[in-house]
Amino acid sequence: IITKGSTFDIKYTAYIFNSSPSEMYATNDESKIEELYREYPDMENVWSAEPMSITLGTTPLLGGLGKALEGCRVGDKVEVYLTYEMAYGKSYIGFVPSKSAVMWEIEIMDKK
């Protein structure tokens, strides 16, 4: 079980969320990275298929992500929906317009 202090790897895809997941803006899922490169050809080599390593409570995460991952187990797949307040707030971050809700699809890959 993932608890504060646990170190684990995730595979993820993040979307800007309007009434449904509409625009992917980040991923480390190899099958989806090519889709991002087609949409953003000038961003080649920005995204990596390497699992993202997280130490819960230490690794900086969007507000609600840490809460959503606590209690998960290796192999779990979760969808996390964050209001803009829980995600990036009123800031414009990279591809994410200000005041945008986001959705993350996360798979817990490995616990160390």
N, C-alpha and C. Protein backbone atom coordinates (compact mmCIF):
# COMPACT_ATOMS: atom_id res chain seq x y z
N ILE A 1 0.86 -1.19 0.00
CA ILE A 1 0.00 0.00 0.00
C ILE A 1 0.89 1.24 0.00
N ILE A 2 0.52 2.22 -0.83
CA ILE A 2 1.26 3.48 -0.90
C ILE A 2 0.87 4.34 0.30
N THR A 3 1.88 4.74 1.07
CA THR A 3 1.68 5.64 2.21
C THR A 3 2.69 6.77 2.11
N LYS A 4 2.56 7.78 2.95
CA LYS A 4 3.55 8.87 2.95
C LYS A 4 4.93 8.27 3.19
N GLY A 5 5.88 8.71 2.38
CA GLY A 5 7.23 8.18 2.47
C GLY A 5 7.50 7.05 1.50
N SER A 6 6.45 6.44 0.92
CA SER A 6 6.64 5.36 -0.07
C SER A 6 7.24 5.93 -1.34
N THR A 7 8.16 5.17 -1.93
CA THR A 7 8.72 5.53 -3.23
C THR A 7 8.19 4.52 -4.24
N PHE A 8 7.69 5.03 -5.37
CA PHE A 8 7.07 4.18 -6.38
C PHE A 8 7.15 4.87 -7.72
N ASP A 9 6.94 4.09 -8.78
CA ASP A 9 6.96 4.61 -10.15
C ASP A 9 5.53 4.62 -10.69
N ILE A 10 5.28 5.62 -11.54
CA ILE A 10 3.97 5.68 -12.20
C ILE A 10 4.14 5.87 -13.71
N LYS A 11 3.13 5.40 -14.43
CA LYS A 11 2.93 5.76 -15.82
C LYS A 11 1.70 6.66 -15.80
N TYR A 12 1.76 7.78 -16.54
CA TYR A 12 0.66 8.73 -16.45
C TYR A 12 0.38 9.38 -17.81
N THR A 13 -0.83 9.89 -17.93
CA THR A 13 -1.21 10.77 -19.03
C THR A 13 -2.10 11.84 -18.42
N ALA A 14 -1.80 13.10 -18.75
CA ALA A 14 -2.56 14.23 -18.19
C ALA A 14 -3.30 14.96 -19.31
N TYR A 15 -4.54 15.34 -19.02
CA TYR A 15 -5.41 16.01 -19.99
C TYR A 15 -5.96 17.29 -19.40
N ILE A 16 -6.15 18.28 -20.25
CA ILE A 16 -6.96 19.43 -19.87
C ILE A 16 -8.39 18.93 -19.91
N PHE A 17 -9.16 19.23 -18.88
CA PHE A 17 -10.50 18.68 -18.75
C PHE A 17 -11.53 19.79 -18.84
N ASN A 18 -12.37 19.71 -19.87
CA ASN A 18 -13.50 20.63 -19.98
C ASN A 18 -14.73 19.84 -19.55
N SER A 19 -15.55 19.39 -20.46
CA SER A 19 -16.65 18.51 -20.07
C SER A 19 -16.24 17.05 -20.21
N SER A 20 -15.12 16.83 -20.88
CA SER A 20 -14.52 15.50 -20.99
C SER A 20 -13.02 15.73 -21.22
N PRO A 21 -12.20 14.69 -21.01
CA PRO A 21 -10.77 14.90 -21.30
C PRO A 21 -10.63 15.32 -22.75
N SER A 22 -10.05 16.50 -22.98
CA SER A 22 -10.06 17.01 -24.34
C SER A 22 -8.69 17.16 -24.97
N GLU A 23 -7.69 17.57 -24.22
CA GLU A 23 -6.39 17.78 -24.83
C GLU A 23 -5.29 17.22 -23.93
N MET A 24 -4.60 16.22 -24.43
CA MET A 24 -3.49 15.65 -23.69
C MET A 24 -2.36 16.68 -23.66
N TYR A 25 -1.75 16.87 -22.49
CA TYR A 25 -0.64 17.82 -22.41
C TYR A 25 0.63 17.24 -21.82
N ALA A 26 0.56 16.04 -21.26
CA ALA A 26 1.77 15.41 -20.72
C ALA A 26 1.54 13.92 -20.58
N THR A 27 2.60 13.15 -20.80
CA THR A 27 2.51 11.70 -20.64
C THR A 27 3.92 11.11 -20.57
N ASN A 28 4.00 9.94 -20.00
CA ASN A 28 5.21 9.13 -20.12
C ASN A 28 4.84 7.75 -20.67
N ASP A 29 3.64 7.66 -21.22
CA ASP A 29 3.15 6.43 -21.86
C ASP A 29 3.66 6.42 -23.30
N GLU A 30 4.56 5.50 -23.58
CA GLU A 30 5.23 5.46 -24.88
C GLU A 30 4.25 5.46 -26.04
N SER A 31 3.13 4.76 -25.90
CA SER A 31 2.17 4.70 -27.00
C SER A 31 1.48 6.04 -27.25
N LYS A 32 1.47 6.92 -26.26
CA LYS A 32 0.81 8.22 -26.41
C LYS A 32 1.78 9.36 -26.71
N ILE A 33 3.07 9.15 -26.46
CA ILE A 33 4.06 10.19 -26.72
C ILE A 33 4.07 10.56 -28.20
N GLU A 34 3.98 9.56 -29.07
CA GLU A 34 3.97 9.84 -30.51
C GLU A 34 2.80 10.75 -30.89
N GLU A 35 1.67 10.58 -30.23
CA GLU A 35 0.51 11.44 -30.49
C GLU A 35 0.82 12.90 -30.12
N LEU A 36 1.51 13.09 -28.99
CA LEU A 36 1.89 14.45 -28.60
C LEU A 36 2.86 15.05 -29.60
N TYR A 37 3.81 14.28 -30.09
CA TYR A 37 4.77 14.80 -31.07
C TYR A 37 4.09 15.17 -32.38
N ARG A 38 3.03 14.44 -32.76
CA ARG A 38 2.30 14.81 -33.96
C ARG A 38 1.61 16.15 -33.76
N GLU A 39 1.08 16.36 -32.54
CA GLU A 39 0.37 17.61 -32.25
C GLU A 39 1.34 18.77 -32.02
N TYR A 40 2.50 18.49 -31.45
CA TYR A 40 3.50 19.51 -31.13
C TYR A 40 4.85 19.10 -31.72
N PRO A 41 5.00 19.16 -33.05
CA PRO A 41 6.22 18.67 -33.68
C PRO A 41 7.49 19.41 -33.27
N ASP A 42 7.36 20.63 -32.84
CA ASP A 42 8.55 21.39 -32.42
C ASP A 42 8.99 21.05 -31.01
N MET A 43 8.30 20.14 -30.34
CA MET A 43 8.60 19.77 -28.97
C MET A 43 9.28 18.40 -28.89
N GLU A 44 9.91 17.97 -29.97
CA GLU A 44 10.55 16.66 -30.00
C GLU A 44 11.51 16.50 -28.82
N ASN A 45 11.50 15.34 -28.23
CA ASN A 45 12.36 14.96 -27.09
C ASN A 45 11.99 15.67 -25.78
N VAL A 46 10.80 16.22 -25.68
CA VAL A 46 10.37 16.83 -24.43
C VAL A 46 9.85 15.76 -23.47
N TRP A 47 9.09 14.82 -23.98
CA TRP A 47 8.48 13.79 -23.15
C TRP A 47 9.32 12.53 -23.17
N SER A 48 9.37 11.86 -22.06
CA SER A 48 10.15 10.63 -21.93
C SER A 48 9.22 9.49 -21.53
N ALA A 49 9.54 8.30 -21.99
CA ALA A 49 8.75 7.12 -21.63
C ALA A 49 9.24 6.49 -20.33
N GLU A 50 10.20 7.12 -19.68
CA GLU A 50 10.68 6.61 -18.39
C GLU A 50 9.58 6.76 -17.34
N PRO A 51 9.41 5.76 -16.48
CA PRO A 51 8.43 5.91 -15.40
C PRO A 51 8.80 7.11 -14.52
N MET A 52 7.79 7.76 -13.99
CA MET A 52 8.02 8.88 -13.08
C MET A 52 8.15 8.31 -11.67
N SER A 53 9.26 8.59 -11.01
CA SER A 53 9.48 8.10 -9.65
C SER A 53 8.99 9.16 -8.66
N ILE A 54 8.21 8.70 -7.70
CA ILE A 54 7.60 9.58 -6.71
C ILE A 54 7.91 9.06 -5.31
N THR A 55 8.25 9.94 -4.41
CA THR A 55 8.27 9.63 -2.98
C THR A 55 7.14 10.46 -2.39
N LEU A 56 6.08 9.79 -1.97
CA LEU A 56 4.88 10.48 -1.51
C LEU A 56 5.19 11.33 -0.29
N GLY A 57 4.85 12.61 -0.40
CA GLY A 57 5.10 13.55 0.67
C GLY A 57 6.37 14.35 0.47
N THR A 58 7.23 13.92 -0.47
CA THR A 58 8.49 14.62 -0.74
C THR A 58 8.52 15.16 -2.16
N THR A 59 8.13 14.35 -3.15
CA THR A 59 8.13 14.77 -4.54
C THR A 59 7.05 15.81 -4.76
N PRO A 60 7.40 16.96 -5.35
CA PRO A 60 6.36 17.98 -5.61
C PRO A 60 5.31 17.44 -6.60
N LEU A 61 4.06 17.50 -6.19
CA LEU A 61 2.94 17.04 -7.02
C LEU A 61 1.84 18.09 -6.97
N LEU A 62 0.96 18.04 -7.96
CA LEU A 62 -0.24 18.88 -7.91
C LEU A 62 -1.01 18.51 -6.64
N GLY A 63 -1.67 19.49 -6.04
CA GLY A 63 -2.34 19.32 -4.77
C GLY A 63 -3.09 18.02 -4.56
N GLY A 64 -3.97 17.68 -5.46
CA GLY A 64 -4.81 16.51 -5.25
C GLY A 64 -4.19 15.18 -5.65
N LEU A 65 -3.09 15.20 -6.39
CA LEU A 65 -2.50 13.93 -6.84
C LEU A 65 -1.98 13.09 -5.68
N GLY A 66 -1.27 13.71 -4.77
CA GLY A 66 -0.74 12.96 -3.62
C GLY A 66 -1.85 12.31 -2.82
N LYS A 67 -2.92 13.06 -2.60
CA LYS A 67 -4.06 12.53 -1.85
C LYS A 67 -4.69 11.35 -2.58
N ALA A 68 -4.76 11.43 -3.89
CA ALA A 68 -5.39 10.37 -4.68
C ALA A 68 -4.54 9.10 -4.71
N LEU A 69 -3.22 9.24 -4.63
CA LEU A 69 -2.34 8.08 -4.73
C LEU A 69 -2.16 7.35 -3.40
N GLU A 70 -2.37 8.05 -2.31
CA GLU A 70 -2.22 7.42 -1.00
C GLU A 70 -3.26 6.31 -0.85
N GLY A 71 -2.81 5.13 -0.48
CA GLY A 71 -3.70 3.98 -0.33
C GLY A 71 -3.76 3.09 -1.55
N CYS A 72 -3.16 3.52 -2.67
CA CYS A 72 -3.13 2.69 -3.88
C CYS A 72 -2.12 1.55 -3.72
N ARG A 73 -2.20 0.60 -4.63
CA ARG A 73 -1.28 -0.54 -4.64
C ARG A 73 -0.66 -0.67 -6.02
N VAL A 74 0.46 -1.37 -6.11
CA VAL A 74 1.10 -1.64 -7.40
C VAL A 74 0.07 -2.30 -8.31
N GLY A 75 -0.03 -1.82 -9.54
CA GLY A 75 -0.98 -2.35 -10.51
C GLY A 75 -2.27 -1.56 -10.58
N ASP A 76 -2.56 -0.75 -9.56
CA ASP A 76 -3.78 0.06 -9.59
C ASP A 76 -3.71 1.08 -10.72
N LYS A 77 -4.85 1.32 -11.33
CA LYS A 77 -5.02 2.36 -12.34
C LYS A 77 -6.08 3.30 -11.82
N VAL A 78 -5.75 4.59 -11.74
CA VAL A 78 -6.69 5.57 -11.20
C VAL A 78 -6.83 6.74 -12.14
N GLU A 79 -8.00 7.34 -12.13
CA GLU A 79 -8.25 8.60 -12.82
C GLU A 79 -8.44 9.65 -11.74
N VAL A 80 -7.70 10.73 -11.85
CA VAL A 80 -7.76 11.80 -10.86
C VAL A 80 -8.23 13.07 -11.56
N TYR A 81 -9.33 13.63 -11.08
CA TYR A 81 -9.89 14.86 -11.63
C TYR A 81 -9.60 15.98 -10.64
N LEU A 82 -8.96 17.04 -11.13
CA LEU A 82 -8.59 18.15 -10.27
C LEU A 82 -9.20 19.45 -10.78
N THR A 83 -9.86 20.18 -9.89
CA THR A 83 -10.31 21.52 -10.25
C THR A 83 -9.08 22.37 -10.47
N TYR A 84 -9.25 23.51 -11.09
CA TYR A 84 -8.08 24.34 -11.33
C TYR A 84 -7.42 24.78 -10.03
N GLU A 85 -8.21 24.95 -8.96
CA GLU A 85 -7.63 25.33 -7.68
C GLU A 85 -6.69 24.24 -7.15
N MET A 86 -7.04 22.97 -7.37
CA MET A 86 -6.21 21.86 -6.89
C MET A 86 -5.08 21.53 -7.86
N ALA A 87 -5.14 22.06 -9.07
CA ALA A 87 -4.10 21.77 -10.06
C ALA A 87 -3.11 22.92 -10.12
N TYR A 88 -3.32 23.85 -11.02
CA TYR A 88 -2.36 24.93 -11.25
C TYR A 88 -2.86 26.30 -10.82
N GLY A 89 -4.07 26.38 -10.30
CA GLY A 89 -4.61 27.67 -9.88
C GLY A 89 -4.91 28.55 -11.08
N LYS A 90 -4.68 29.83 -10.93
CA LYS A 90 -4.99 30.80 -11.98
C LYS A 90 -3.82 30.95 -12.95
N SER A 91 -2.75 30.20 -12.74
CA SER A 91 -1.55 30.33 -13.58
C SER A 91 -1.71 29.61 -14.91
N TYR A 92 -1.02 30.13 -15.91
CA TYR A 92 -0.90 29.45 -17.20
C TYR A 92 0.40 28.66 -17.11
N ILE A 93 0.31 27.34 -17.21
CA ILE A 93 1.47 26.47 -17.08
C ILE A 93 1.66 25.70 -18.38
N GLY A 94 2.70 26.03 -19.14
CA GLY A 94 2.98 25.30 -20.38
C GLY A 94 1.78 25.29 -21.30
N PHE A 95 1.21 24.12 -21.49
CA PHE A 95 0.08 23.95 -22.40
C PHE A 95 -1.27 24.14 -21.70
N VAL A 96 -1.26 24.35 -20.39
CA VAL A 96 -2.51 24.39 -19.62
C VAL A 96 -2.93 25.84 -19.39
N PRO A 97 -4.06 26.26 -20.00
CA PRO A 97 -4.54 27.63 -19.78
C PRO A 97 -4.93 27.86 -18.32
N SER A 98 -4.90 29.10 -17.90
CA SER A 98 -5.29 29.41 -16.52
C SER A 98 -6.72 28.96 -16.26
N LYS A 99 -6.97 28.62 -15.02
CA LYS A 99 -8.30 28.19 -14.55
C LYS A 99 -8.81 26.95 -15.27
N SER A 100 -7.91 26.05 -15.65
CA SER A 100 -8.31 24.81 -16.32
C SER A 100 -8.31 23.65 -15.34
N ALA A 101 -9.39 22.91 -15.35
CA ALA A 101 -9.42 21.64 -14.63
C ALA A 101 -8.57 20.64 -15.42
N VAL A 102 -8.04 19.65 -14.74
CA VAL A 102 -7.23 18.63 -15.41
C VAL A 102 -7.65 17.24 -14.95
N MET A 103 -7.31 16.25 -15.77
CA MET A 103 -7.54 14.86 -15.41
C MET A 103 -6.24 14.11 -15.65
N TRP A 104 -5.85 13.27 -14.71
CA TRP A 104 -4.66 12.44 -14.84
C TRP A 104 -5.08 10.98 -14.80
N GLU A 105 -4.60 10.20 -15.76
CA GLU A 105 -4.73 8.74 -15.73
C GLU A 105 -3.39 8.23 -15.21
N ILE A 106 -3.41 7.46 -14.14
CA ILE A 106 -2.18 7.02 -13.49
C ILE A 106 -2.23 5.52 -13.27
N GLU A 107 -1.10 4.86 -13.56
CA GLU A 107 -0.94 3.44 -13.24
C GLU A 107 0.26 3.32 -12.30
N ILE A 108 0.06 2.67 -11.15
CA ILE A 108 1.15 2.44 -10.21
C ILE A 108 1.95 1.26 -10.74
N MET A 109 3.20 1.53 -11.11
CA MET A 109 4.03 0.53 -11.80
C MET A 109 4.84 -0.34 -10.83
N ASP A 110 5.48 0.28 -9.85
CA ASP A 110 6.43 -0.45 -9.02
C ASP A 110 6.63 0.31 -7.73
N LYS A 111 6.76 -0.42 -6.63
CA LYS A 111 7.06 0.20 -5.34
C LYS A 111 8.46 -0.22 -4.95
N LYS A 112 9.24 0.73 -4.50
CA LYS A 112 10.65 0.45 -4.17
C LYS A 112 10.85 0.33 -2.68
